[in-house]
Amino acid sequence: MHQLAKVLGERIRTQRKAKGFSQDALALSCGVDRSYMGRIERGEVNITVEKLYRIATVMECEPQFLLPAALSLHDLASDLEARD
């Protein structure tokens, strides 16, 4: 699942930059610490659905816009093996 968090974080970062938010401004608007927002964007944490909706609302987009396309089972299996 680490791959999923990583791709989600990249999509959040891309949308944040497209909307002209600094990481600090987005974090403040979402009610999270700036360092936590950095960890989200780097894919180091799995965020809750609530946080996904909060981020999407602040950036005025639908939550599904931030979600990556479904990963293949092979990609997920490879990611799990790499973590072991």
PDB file of N, CA and C in Angstrom:
ATOM      1  N   MET A   1       0.796  -1.195   0.000  1.00  0.00           N
ATOM      2  CA  MET A   1       0.000   0.000   0.000  1.00  0.00           C
ATOM      3  C   MET A   1       0.845   1.269   0.000  1.00  0.00           C
ATOM      4  N   HIS A   2       2.115   1.124   0.287  1.00  0.00           N
ATOM      5  CA  HIS A   2       2.985   2.296   0.289  1.00  0.00           C
ATOM      6  C   HIS A   2       2.952   2.998  -1.064  1.00  0.00           C
ATOM      7  N   GLN A   3       2.896   2.240  -2.140  1.00  0.00           N
ATOM      8  CA  GLN A   3       2.850   2.813  -3.485  1.00  0.00           C
ATOM      9  C   GLN A   3       1.600   3.680  -3.650  1.00  0.00           C
ATOM     10  N   LEU A   4       0.494   3.237  -3.124  1.00  0.00           N
ATOM     11  CA  LEU A   4      -0.747   4.001  -3.205  1.00  0.00           C
ATOM     12  C   LEU A   4      -0.603   5.343  -2.489  1.00  0.00           C
ATOM     13  N   ALA A   5      -0.053   5.347  -1.295  1.00  0.00           N
ATOM     14  CA  ALA A   5       0.154   6.585  -0.539  1.00  0.00           C
ATOM     15  C   ALA A   5       1.105   7.515  -1.279  1.00  0.00           C
ATOM     16  N   LYS A   6       2.117   6.939  -1.911  1.00  0.00           N
ATOM     17  CA  LYS A   6       3.095   7.734  -2.641  1.00  0.00           C
ATOM     18  C   LYS A   6       2.462   8.429  -3.849  1.00  0.00           C
ATOM     19  N   VAL A   7       1.665   7.694  -4.612  1.00  0.00           N
ATOM     20  CA  VAL A   7       1.012   8.276  -5.787  1.00  0.00           C
ATOM     21  C   VAL A   7      -0.028   9.310  -5.351  1.00  0.00           C
ATOM     22  N   LEU A   8      -0.779   9.022  -4.303  1.00  0.00           N
ATOM     23  CA  LEU A   8      -1.747   9.983  -3.781  1.00  0.00           C
ATOM     24  C   LEU A   8      -1.031  11.271  -3.368  1.00  0.00           C
ATOM     25  N   GLY A   9       0.063  11.141  -2.667  1.00  0.00           N
ATOM     26  CA  GLY A   9       0.830  12.312  -2.242  1.00  0.00           C
ATOM     27  C   GLY A   9       1.321  13.140  -3.410  1.00  0.00           C
ATOM     28  N   GLU A  10       1.785  12.474  -4.456  1.00  0.00           N
ATOM     29  CA  GLU A  10       2.244  13.188  -5.658  1.00  0.00           C
ATOM     30  C   GLU A  10       1.099  13.951  -6.306  1.00  0.00           C
ATOM     31  N   ARG A  11      -0.080  13.332  -6.334  1.00  0.00           N
ATOM     32  CA  ARG A  11      -1.244  13.987  -6.938  1.00  0.00           C
ATOM     33  C   ARG A  11      -1.692  15.187  -6.093  1.00  0.00           C
ATOM     34  N   ILE A  12      -1.616  15.060  -4.784  1.00  0.00           N
ATOM     35  CA  ILE A  12      -1.952  16.183  -3.909  1.00  0.00           C
ATOM     36  C   ILE A  12      -0.967  17.322  -4.134  1.00  0.00           C
ATOM     37  N   ARG A  13       0.318  17.008  -4.199  1.00  0.00           N
ATOM     38  CA  ARG A  13       1.342  18.033  -4.433  1.00  0.00           C
ATOM     39  C   ARG A  13       1.110  18.736  -5.771  1.00  0.00           C
ATOM     40  N   THR A  14       0.838  17.975  -6.815  1.00  0.00           N
ATOM     41  CA  THR A  14       0.609  18.554  -8.138  1.00  0.00           C
ATOM     42  C   THR A  14      -0.586  19.502  -8.119  1.00  0.00           C
ATOM     43  N   GLN A  15      -1.677  19.063  -7.489  1.00  0.00           N
ATOM     44  CA  GLN A  15      -2.872  19.903  -7.409  1.00  0.00           C
ATOM     45  C   GLN A  15      -2.616  21.136  -6.547  1.00  0.00           C
ATOM     46  N   ARG A  16      -1.877  20.966  -5.462  1.00  0.00           N
ATOM     47  CA  ARG A  16      -1.561  22.109  -4.590  1.00  0.00           C
ATOM     48  C   ARG A  16      -0.814  23.180  -5.366  1.00  0.00           C
ATOM     49  N   LYS A  17       0.182  22.760  -6.123  1.00  0.00           N
ATOM     50  CA  LYS A  17       0.969  23.719  -6.907  1.00  0.00           C
ATOM     51  C   LYS A  17       0.125  24.356  -8.002  1.00  0.00           C
ATOM     52  N   ALA A  18      -0.733  23.567  -8.641  1.00  0.00           N
ATOM     53  CA  ALA A  18      -1.604  24.097  -9.697  1.00  0.00           C
ATOM     54  C   ALA A  18      -2.566  25.154  -9.149  1.00  0.00           C
ATOM     55  N   LYS A  19      -2.976  24.980  -7.910  1.00  0.00           N
ATOM     56  CA  LYS A  19      -3.896  25.931  -7.268  1.00  0.00           C
ATOM     57  C   LYS A  19      -3.163  27.113  -6.632  1.00  0.00           C
ATOM     58  N   GLY A  20      -1.832  27.062  -6.630  1.00  0.00           N
ATOM     59  CA  GLY A  20      -1.045  28.174  -6.102  1.00  0.00           C
ATOM     60  C   GLY A  20      -0.903  28.206  -4.595  1.00  0.00           C
ATOM     61  N   PHE A  21      -1.121  27.075  -3.945  1.00  0.00           N
ATOM     62  CA  PHE A  21      -0.943  26.992  -2.494  1.00  0.00           C
ATOM     63  C   PHE A  21       0.503  26.663  -2.152  1.00  0.00           C
ATOM     64  N   SER A  22       1.013  27.297  -1.101  1.00  0.00           N
ATOM     65  CA  SER A  22       2.263  26.810  -0.522  1.00  0.00           C
ATOM     66  C   SER A  22       1.881  25.623   0.356  1.00  0.00           C
ATOM     67  N   GLN A  23       2.867  24.829   0.702  1.00  0.00           N
ATOM     68  CA  GLN A  23       2.593  23.692   1.578  1.00  0.00           C
ATOM     69  C   GLN A  23       2.099  24.194   2.938  1.00  0.00           C
ATOM     70  N   ASP A  24       2.686  25.286   3.419  1.00  0.00           N
ATOM     71  CA  ASP A  24       2.261  25.865   4.698  1.00  0.00           C
ATOM     72  C   ASP A  24       0.808  26.313   4.648  1.00  0.00           C
ATOM     73  N   ALA A  25       0.424  26.999   3.574  1.00  0.00           N
ATOM     74  CA  ALA A  25      -0.942  27.509   3.458  1.00  0.00           C
ATOM     75  C   ALA A  25      -1.949  26.372   3.378  1.00  0.00           C
ATOM     76  N   LEU A  26      -1.624  25.334   2.617  1.00  0.00           N
ATOM     77  CA  LEU A  26      -2.541  24.199   2.515  1.00  0.00           C
ATOM     78  C   LEU A  26      -2.690  23.505   3.864  1.00  0.00           C
ATOM     79  N   ALA A  27      -1.575  23.280   4.532  1.00  0.00           N
ATOM     80  CA  ALA A  27      -1.616  22.627   5.843  1.00  0.00           C
ATOM     81  C   ALA A  27      -2.461  23.432   6.824  1.00  0.00           C
ATOM     82  N   LEU A  28      -2.254  24.735   6.863  1.00  0.00           N
ATOM     83  CA  LEU A  28      -3.014  25.594   7.774  1.00  0.00           C
ATOM     84  C   LEU A  28      -4.505  25.540   7.442  1.00  0.00           C
ATOM     85  N   SER A  29      -4.839  25.618   6.169  1.00  0.00           N
ATOM     86  CA  SER A  29      -6.249  25.580   5.750  1.00  0.00           C
ATOM     87  C   SER A  29      -6.915  24.248   6.060  1.00  0.00           C
ATOM     88  N   CYS A  30      -6.118  23.175   6.049  1.00  0.00           N
ATOM     89  CA  CYS A  30      -6.653  21.838   6.321  1.00  0.00           C
ATOM     90  C   CYS A  30      -6.618  21.480   7.804  1.00  0.00           C
ATOM     91  N   GLY A  31      -5.971  22.303   8.597  1.00  0.00           N
ATOM     92  CA  GLY A  31      -5.896  22.045  10.029  1.00  0.00           C
ATOM     93  C   GLY A  31      -4.909  20.957  10.407  1.00  0.00           C
ATOM     94  N   VAL A  32      -3.837  20.827   9.595  1.00  0.00           N
ATOM     95  CA  VAL A  32      -2.789  19.854   9.918  1.00  0.00           C
ATOM     96  C   VAL A  32      -1.453  20.568   9.991  1.00  0.00           C
ATOM     97  N   ASP A  33      -0.511  19.962  10.657  1.00  0.00           N
ATOM     98  CA  ASP A  33       0.840  20.510  10.763  1.00  0.00           C
ATOM     99  C   ASP A  33       1.533  20.482   9.402  1.00  0.00           C
ATOM    100  N   ARG A  34       2.367  21.470   9.106  1.00  0.00           N
ATOM    101  CA  ARG A  34       3.068  21.538   7.840  1.00  0.00           C
ATOM    102  C   ARG A  34       3.950  20.326   7.624  1.00  0.00           C
ATOM    103  N   SER A  35       4.588  19.845   8.673  1.00  0.00           N
ATOM    104  CA  SER A  35       5.451  18.670   8.518  1.00  0.00           C
ATOM    105  C   SER A  35       4.628  17.427   8.173  1.00  0.00           C
ATOM    106  N   TYR A  36       3.407  17.359   8.708  1.00  0.00           N
ATOM    107  CA  TYR A  36       2.526  16.242   8.378  1.00  0.00           C
ATOM    108  C   TYR A  36       2.094  16.324   6.919  1.00  0.00           C
ATOM    109  N   MET A  37       1.809  17.540   6.450  1.00  0.00           N
ATOM    110  CA  MET A  37       1.442  17.716   5.042  1.00  0.00           C
ATOM    111  C   MET A  37       2.606  17.279   4.151  1.00  0.00           C
ATOM    112  N   GLY A  38       3.821  17.567   4.552  1.00  0.00           N
ATOM    113  CA  GLY A  38       4.990  17.110   3.799  1.00  0.00           C
ATOM    114  C   GLY A  38       5.060  15.593   3.752  1.00  0.00           C
ATOM    115  N   ARG A  39       4.763  14.962   4.877  1.00  0.00           N
ATOM    116  CA  ARG A  39       4.769  13.495   4.918  1.00  0.00           C
ATOM    117  C   ARG A  39       3.665  12.917   4.036  1.00  0.00           C
ATOM    118  N   ILE A  40       2.515  13.585   3.981  1.00  0.00           N
ATOM    119  CA  ILE A  40       1.432  13.152   3.086  1.00  0.00           C
ATOM    120  C   ILE A  40       1.915  13.218   1.645  1.00  0.00           C
ATOM    121  N   GLU A  41       2.497  14.350   1.271  1.00  0.00           N
ATOM    122  CA  GLU A  41       2.940  14.539  -0.110  1.00  0.00           C
ATOM    123  C   GLU A  41       4.060  13.585  -0.510  1.00  0.00           C
ATOM    124  N   ARG A  42       4.850  13.160   0.447  1.00  0.00           N
ATOM    125  CA  ARG A  42       5.929  12.199   0.147  1.00  0.00           C
ATOM    126  C   ARG A  42       5.448  10.751   0.214  1.00  0.00           C
ATOM    127  N   GLY A  43       4.193  10.554   0.610  1.00  0.00           N
ATOM    128  CA  GLY A  43       3.635   9.210   0.683  1.00  0.00           C
ATOM    129  C   GLY A  43       4.127   8.417   1.869  1.00  0.00           C
ATOM    130  N   GLU A  44       4.499   9.102   2.929  1.00  0.00           N
ATOM    131  CA  GLU A  44       5.026   8.428   4.115  1.00  0.00           C
ATOM    132  C   GLU A  44       3.934   8.024   5.101  1.00  0.00           C
ATOM    133  N   VAL A  45       2.735   8.541   4.903  1.00  0.00           N
ATOM    134  CA  VAL A  45       1.617   8.220   5.788  1.00  0.00           C
ATOM    135  C   VAL A  45       0.387   7.873   4.957  1.00  0.00           C
ATOM    136  N   ASN A  46      -0.480   7.073   5.531  1.00  0.00           N
ATOM    137  CA  ASN A  46      -1.779   6.783   4.923  1.00  0.00           C
ATOM    138  C   ASN A  46      -2.786   7.704   5.584  1.00  0.00           C
ATOM    139  N   ILE A  47      -3.413   8.549   4.789  1.00  0.00           N
ATOM    140  CA  ILE A  47      -4.354   9.507   5.364  1.00  0.00           C
ATOM    141  C   ILE A  47      -5.755   8.905   5.451  1.00  0.00           C
ATOM    142  N   THR A  48      -6.553   9.476   6.323  1.00  0.00           N
ATOM    143  CA  THR A  48      -7.933   9.038   6.466  1.00  0.00           C
ATOM    144  C   THR A  48      -8.767   9.615   5.323  1.00  0.00           C
ATOM    145  N   VAL A  49      -9.925   9.039   5.128  1.00  0.00           N
ATOM    146  CA  VAL A  49     -10.856   9.550   4.125  1.00  0.00           C
ATOM    147  C   VAL A  49     -11.261  10.976   4.503  1.00  0.00           C
ATOM    148  N   GLU A  50     -11.428  11.212   5.784  1.00  0.00           N
ATOM    149  CA  GLU A  50     -11.788  12.556   6.248  1.00  0.00           C
ATOM    150  C   GLU A  50     -10.745  13.589   5.818  1.00  0.00           C
ATOM    151  N   LYS A  51      -9.459  13.257   5.982  1.00  0.00           N
ATOM    152  CA  LYS A  51      -8.410  14.190   5.578  1.00  0.00           C
ATOM    153  C   LYS A  51      -8.381  14.376   4.060  1.00  0.00           C
ATOM    154  N   LEU A  52      -8.619  13.301   3.329  1.00  0.00           N
ATOM    155  CA  LEU A  52      -8.677  13.404   1.867  1.00  0.00           C
ATOM    156  C   LEU A  52      -9.767  14.389   1.461  1.00  0.00           C
ATOM    157  N   TYR A  53     -10.943  14.275   2.073  1.00  0.00           N
ATOM    158  CA  TYR A  53     -12.045  15.191   1.758  1.00  0.00           C
ATOM    159  C   TYR A  53     -11.712  16.617   2.176  1.00  0.00           C
ATOM    160  N   ARG A  54     -11.066  16.782   3.314  1.00  0.00           N
ATOM    161  CA  ARG A  54     -10.690  18.117   3.778  1.00  0.00           C
ATOM    162  C   ARG A  54      -9.715  18.765   2.795  1.00  0.00           C
ATOM    163  N   ILE A  55      -8.714  18.013   2.352  1.00  0.00           N
ATOM    164  CA  ILE A  55      -7.733  18.533   1.393  1.00  0.00           C
ATOM    165  C   ILE A  55      -8.421  18.886   0.077  1.00  0.00           C
ATOM    166  N   ALA A  56      -9.288  18.004  -0.403  1.00  0.00           N
ATOM    167  CA  ALA A  56      -9.992  18.256  -1.659  1.00  0.00           C
ATOM    168  C   ALA A  56     -10.885  19.488  -1.549  1.00  0.00           C
ATOM    169  N   THR A  57     -11.558  19.644  -0.429  1.00  0.00           N
ATOM    170  CA  THR A  57     -12.435  20.801  -0.240  1.00  0.00           C
ATOM    171  C   THR A  57     -11.636  22.097  -0.280  1.00  0.00           C
ATOM    172  N   VAL A  58     -10.525  22.125   0.423  1.00  0.00           N
ATOM    173  CA  VAL A  58      -9.684  23.326   0.438  1.00  0.00           C
ATOM    174  C   VAL A  58      -9.164  23.646  -0.962  1.00  0.00           C
ATOM    175  N   MET A  59      -8.830  22.614  -1.719  1.00  0.00           N
ATOM    176  CA  MET A  59      -8.298  22.832  -3.076  1.00  0.00           C
ATOM    177  C   MET A  59      -9.397  22.888  -4.138  1.00  0.00           C
ATOM    178  N   GLU A  60     -10.657  22.874  -3.684  1.00  0.00           N
ATOM    179  CA  GLU A  60     -11.810  23.011  -4.570  1.00  0.00           C
ATOM    180  C   GLU A  60     -11.798  21.997  -5.719  1.00  0.00           C
ATOM    181  N   CYS A  61     -11.626  20.738  -5.337  1.00  0.00           N
ATOM    182  CA  CYS A  61     -11.703  19.654  -6.319  1.00  0.00           C
ATOM    183  C   CYS A  61     -12.409  18.475  -5.661  1.00  0.00           C
ATOM    184  N   GLU A  62     -12.817  17.544  -6.477  1.00  0.00           N
ATOM    185  CA  GLU A  62     -13.450  16.335  -5.958  1.00  0.00           C
ATOM    186  C   GLU A  62     -12.376  15.401  -5.400  1.00  0.00           C
ATOM    187  N   PRO A  63     -12.652  14.706  -4.300  1.00  0.00           N
ATOM    188  CA  PRO A  63     -11.650  13.791  -3.729  1.00  0.00           C
ATOM    189  C   PRO A  63     -11.139  12.761  -4.725  1.00  0.00           C
ATOM    190  N   GLN A  64     -12.021  12.254  -5.601  1.00  0.00           N
ATOM    191  CA  GLN A  64     -11.588  11.240  -6.562  1.00  0.00           C
ATOM    192  C   GLN A  64     -10.571  11.795  -7.557  1.00  0.00           C
ATOM    193  N   PHE A  65     -10.539  13.119  -7.735  1.00  0.00           N
ATOM    194  CA  PHE A  65      -9.548  13.731  -8.611  1.00  0.00           C
ATOM    195  C   PHE A  65      -8.141  13.530  -8.053  1.00  0.00           C
ATOM    196  N   LEU A  66      -8.032  13.443  -6.729  1.00  0.00           N
ATOM    197  CA  LEU A  66      -6.730  13.270  -6.082  1.00  0.00           C
ATOM    198  C   LEU A  66      -6.291  11.806  -6.021  1.00  0.00           C
ATOM    199  N   LEU A  67      -7.251  10.907  -6.151  1.00  0.00           N
ATOM    200  CA  LEU A  67      -6.926   9.481  -6.055  1.00  0.00           C
ATOM    201  C   LEU A  67      -6.303   8.977  -7.344  1.00  0.00           C
ATOM    202  N   PRO A  68      -5.281   8.140  -7.225  1.00  0.00           N
ATOM    203  CA  PRO A  68      -4.678   7.561  -8.429  1.00  0.00           C
ATOM    204  C   PRO A  68      -5.592   6.506  -9.039  1.00  0.00           C
ATOM    205  N   ALA A  69      -5.340   6.206 -10.290  1.00  0.00           N
ATOM    206  CA  ALA A  69      -6.064   5.114 -10.942  1.00  0.00           C
ATOM    207  C   ALA A  69      -5.756   3.827 -10.183  1.00  0.00           C
ATOM    208  N   ALA A  70      -6.647   2.886 -10.277  1.00  0.00           N
ATOM    209  CA  ALA A  70      -6.458   1.615  -9.567  1.00  0.00           C
ATOM    210  C   ALA A  70      -5.116   0.998  -9.949  1.00  0.00           C
ATOM    211  N   LEU A  71      -4.392   0.588  -8.955  1.00  0.00           N
ATOM    212  CA  LEU A  71      -3.105  -0.067  -9.196  1.00  0.00           C
ATOM    213  C   LEU A  71      -3.349  -1.535  -9.508  1.00  0.00           C
ATOM    214  N   SER A  72      -2.509  -2.072 -10.321  1.00  0.00           N
ATOM    215  CA  SER A  72      -2.661  -3.492 -10.632  1.00  0.00           C
ATOM    216  C   SER A  72      -2.278  -4.331  -9.421  1.00  0.00           C
ATOM    217  N   LEU A  73      -2.795  -5.527  -9.356  1.00  0.00           N
ATOM    218  CA  LEU A  73      -2.456  -6.434  -8.262  1.00  0.00           C
ATOM    219  C   LEU A  73      -0.966  -6.714  -8.227  1.00  0.00           C
ATOM    220  N   HIS A  74      -0.351  -6.758  -9.387  1.00  0.00           N
ATOM    221  CA  HIS A  74       1.087  -6.992  -9.461  1.00  0.00           C
ATOM    222  C   HIS A  74       1.862  -5.872  -8.752  1.00  0.00           C
ATOM    223  N   ASP A  75       1.460  -4.619  -8.997  1.00  0.00           N
ATOM    224  CA  ASP A  75       2.127  -3.488  -8.359  1.00  0.00           C
ATOM    225  C   ASP A  75       1.977  -3.545  -6.843  1.00  0.00           C
ATOM    226  N   LEU A  76       0.771  -3.858  -6.382  1.00  0.00           N
ATOM    227  CA  LEU A  76       0.544  -3.947  -4.941  1.00  0.00           C
ATOM    228  C   LEU A  76       1.330  -5.104  -4.333  1.00  0.00           C
ATOM    229  N   ALA A  77       1.355  -6.247  -5.014  1.00  0.00           N
ATOM    230  CA  ALA A  77       2.090  -7.408  -4.505  1.00  0.00           C
ATOM    231  C   ALA A  77       3.580  -7.097  -4.441  1.00  0.00           C
ATOM    232  N   SER A  78       4.099  -6.427  -5.449  1.00  0.00           N
ATOM    233  CA  SER A  78       5.520  -6.069  -5.462  1.00  0.00           C
ATOM    234  C   SER A  78       5.846  -5.138  -4.314  1.00  0.00           C
ATOM    235  N   ASP A  79       4.954  -4.199  -4.046  1.00  0.00           N
ATOM    236  CA  ASP A  79       5.162  -3.249  -2.959  1.00  0.00           C
ATOM    237  C   ASP A  79       5.176  -3.956  -1.613  1.00  0.00           C
ATOM    238  N   LEU A  80       4.256  -4.898  -1.416  1.00  0.00           N
ATOM    239  CA  LEU A  80       4.201  -5.649  -0.165  1.00  0.00           C
ATOM    240  C   LEU A  80       5.448  -6.492   0.022  1.00  0.00           C
ATOM    241  N   GLU A  81       5.929  -7.118  -1.039  1.00  0.00           N
ATOM    242  CA  GLU A  81       7.147  -7.925  -0.957  1.00  0.00           C
ATOM    243  C   GLU A  81       8.354  -7.077  -0.606  1.00  0.00           C
ATOM    244  N   ALA A  82       8.415  -5.882  -1.144  1.00  0.00           N
ATOM    245  CA  ALA A  82       9.544  -4.990  -0.877  1.00  0.00           C
ATOM    246  C   ALA A  82       9.580  -4.552   0.578  1.00  0.00           C
ATOM    247  N   ARG A  83       8.422  -4.491   1.228  1.00  0.00           N
ATOM    248  CA  ARG A  83       8.356  -4.059   2.621  1.00  0.00           C
ATOM    249  C   ARG A  83       8.760  -5.163   3.583  1.00  0.00           C
ATOM    250  N   ASP A  84       8.697  -6.417   3.156  1.00  0.00           N
ATOM    251  CA  ASP A  84       9.031  -7.552   4.045  1.00  0.00           C
ATOM    252  C   ASP A  84      10.501  -7.724   4.231  1.00  0.00           C
TER     253      ASP A  84
END
